[in-house]
């Protein structure tokens, strides 16, 4: 994935997608590590599903570049 971004000629597009990827992985990682103690188990599962979906979408967009 990073190789794909590094090989893009449009550096601003690469930076945009790298930022989207970083944000998606940051949120997903935080949920996986269960750092938000305020969430119930059901809320945590739902948030994990949502964040994984967002991460998958970003990865798909990068692959389609």
C-alpha atoms as a PDB file:
ATOM      1  CA  UNK A   1       0.000   0.000   0.000  1.00  0.00           C
ATOM      2  CA  UNK A   2       2.775   2.431   0.871  1.00  0.00           C
ATOM      3  CA  UNK A   3       4.644   1.458  -2.288  1.00  0.00           C
ATOM      4  CA  UNK A   4       1.536   2.321  -4.278  1.00  0.00           C
ATOM      5  CA  UNK A   5       1.376   5.776  -2.698  1.00  0.00           C
ATOM      6  CA  UNK A   6       5.101   6.384  -3.112  1.00  0.00           C
ATOM      7  CA  UNK A   7       4.884   5.555  -6.807  1.00  0.00           C
ATOM      8  CA  UNK A   8       2.126   8.089  -7.535  1.00  0.00           C
ATOM      9  CA  UNK A   9       3.241  11.029  -9.639  1.00  0.00           C
ATOM     10  CA  UNK A  10       0.670  13.293  -7.980  1.00  0.00           C
ATOM     11  CA  UNK A  11       2.301  13.907  -4.606  1.00  0.00           C
ATOM     12  CA  UNK A  12      -0.644  15.876  -3.224  1.00  0.00           C
ATOM     13  CA  UNK A  13      -2.946  12.932  -3.940  1.00  0.00           C
ATOM     14  CA  UNK A  14      -0.495  10.583  -2.236  1.00  0.00           C
ATOM     15  CA  UNK A  15      -0.371  12.843   0.829  1.00  0.00           C
ATOM     16  CA  UNK A  16      -4.171  13.034   0.922  1.00  0.00           C
ATOM     17  CA  UNK A  17      -4.541   9.251   0.890  1.00  0.00           C
ATOM     18  CA  UNK A  18      -1.731   8.727   3.378  1.00  0.00           C
ATOM     19  CA  UNK A  19      -3.503  11.085   5.789  1.00  0.00           C
ATOM     20  CA  UNK A  20      -6.795   9.214   5.290  1.00  0.00           C
ATOM     21  CA  UNK A  21      -5.016   5.908   5.884  1.00  0.00           C
ATOM     22  CA  UNK A  22      -3.291   7.202   9.033  1.00  0.00           C
ATOM     23  CA  UNK A  23      -6.541   8.506  10.487  1.00  0.00           C
ATOM     24  CA  UNK A  24      -8.401   5.253   9.746  1.00  0.00           C
ATOM     25  CA  UNK A  25      -5.681   3.063  11.252  1.00  0.00           C
ATOM     26  CA  UNK A  26      -5.341   5.319  14.303  1.00  0.00           C
ATOM     27  CA  UNK A  27      -9.040   5.043  15.113  1.00  0.00           C
ATOM     28  CA  UNK A  28      -9.206   1.321  14.396  1.00  0.00           C
ATOM     29  CA  UNK A  29      -6.084   0.615  16.450  1.00  0.00           C
ATOM     30  CA  UNK A  30      -7.434   2.596  19.374  1.00  0.00           C
ATOM     31  CA  UNK A  31     -10.633   0.552  19.312  1.00  0.00           C
ATOM     32  CA  UNK A  32      -8.810  -2.765  18.953  1.00  0.00           C
ATOM     33  CA  UNK A  33      -6.728  -1.889  22.007  1.00  0.00           C
ATOM     34  CA  UNK A  34     -10.043  -1.056  23.745  1.00  0.00           C
ATOM     35  CA  UNK A  35      -8.808   2.325  25.014  1.00  0.00           C
ATOM     36  CA  UNK A  36     -12.271   3.867  25.347  1.00  0.00           C
ATOM     37  CA  UNK A  37     -13.521   2.483  28.642  1.00  0.00           C
ATOM     38  CA  UNK A  38     -16.810   4.371  28.291  1.00  0.00           C
ATOM     39  CA  UNK A  39     -18.048   2.041  25.550  1.00  0.00           C
ATOM     40  CA  UNK A  40     -20.140  -0.983  26.425  1.00  0.00           C
ATOM     41  CA  UNK A  41     -19.163  -4.228  24.745  1.00  0.00           C
ATOM     42  CA  UNK A  42     -21.940  -3.872  22.165  1.00  0.00           C
ATOM     43  CA  UNK A  43     -20.972  -0.268  21.434  1.00  0.00           C
ATOM     44  CA  UNK A  44     -17.334  -1.313  21.145  1.00  0.00           C
ATOM     45  CA  UNK A  45     -18.201  -4.070  18.645  1.00  0.00           C
ATOM     46  CA  UNK A  46     -20.269  -1.660  16.575  1.00  0.00           C
ATOM     47  CA  UNK A  47     -17.532   0.981  16.578  1.00  0.00           C
ATOM     48  CA  UNK A  48     -14.981  -1.669  15.558  1.00  0.00           C
ATOM     49  CA  UNK A  49     -17.161  -2.722  12.621  1.00  0.00           C
ATOM     50  CA  UNK A  50     -17.599   0.877  11.516  1.00  0.00           C
ATOM     51  CA  UNK A  51     -13.908   1.731  11.782  1.00  0.00           C
ATOM     52  CA  UNK A  52     -12.898  -1.461   9.959  1.00  0.00           C
ATOM     53  CA  UNK A  53     -15.326  -0.570   7.182  1.00  0.00           C
ATOM     54  CA  UNK A  54     -13.773   2.887   6.880  1.00  0.00           C
ATOM     55  CA  UNK A  55     -10.272   1.417   6.845  1.00  0.00           C
ATOM     56  CA  UNK A  56     -11.274  -1.128   4.211  1.00  0.00           C
ATOM     57  CA  UNK A  57     -12.769   1.672   2.094  1.00  0.00           C
ATOM     58  CA  UNK A  58      -9.559   3.717   2.260  1.00  0.00           C
ATOM     59  CA  UNK A  59      -7.494   0.658   1.306  1.00  0.00           C
ATOM     60  CA  UNK A  60      -9.818  -0.055  -1.617  1.00  0.00           C
ATOM     61  CA  UNK A  61      -9.535   3.534  -2.833  1.00  0.00           C
ATOM     62  CA  UNK A  62      -5.741   3.352  -2.689  1.00  0.00           C
ATOM     63  CA  UNK A  63      -5.671   0.041  -4.544  1.00  0.00           C
ATOM     64  CA  UNK A  64      -7.841   1.522  -7.297  1.00  0.00           C
ATOM     65  CA  UNK A  65      -5.461   4.462  -7.910  1.00  0.00           C
END
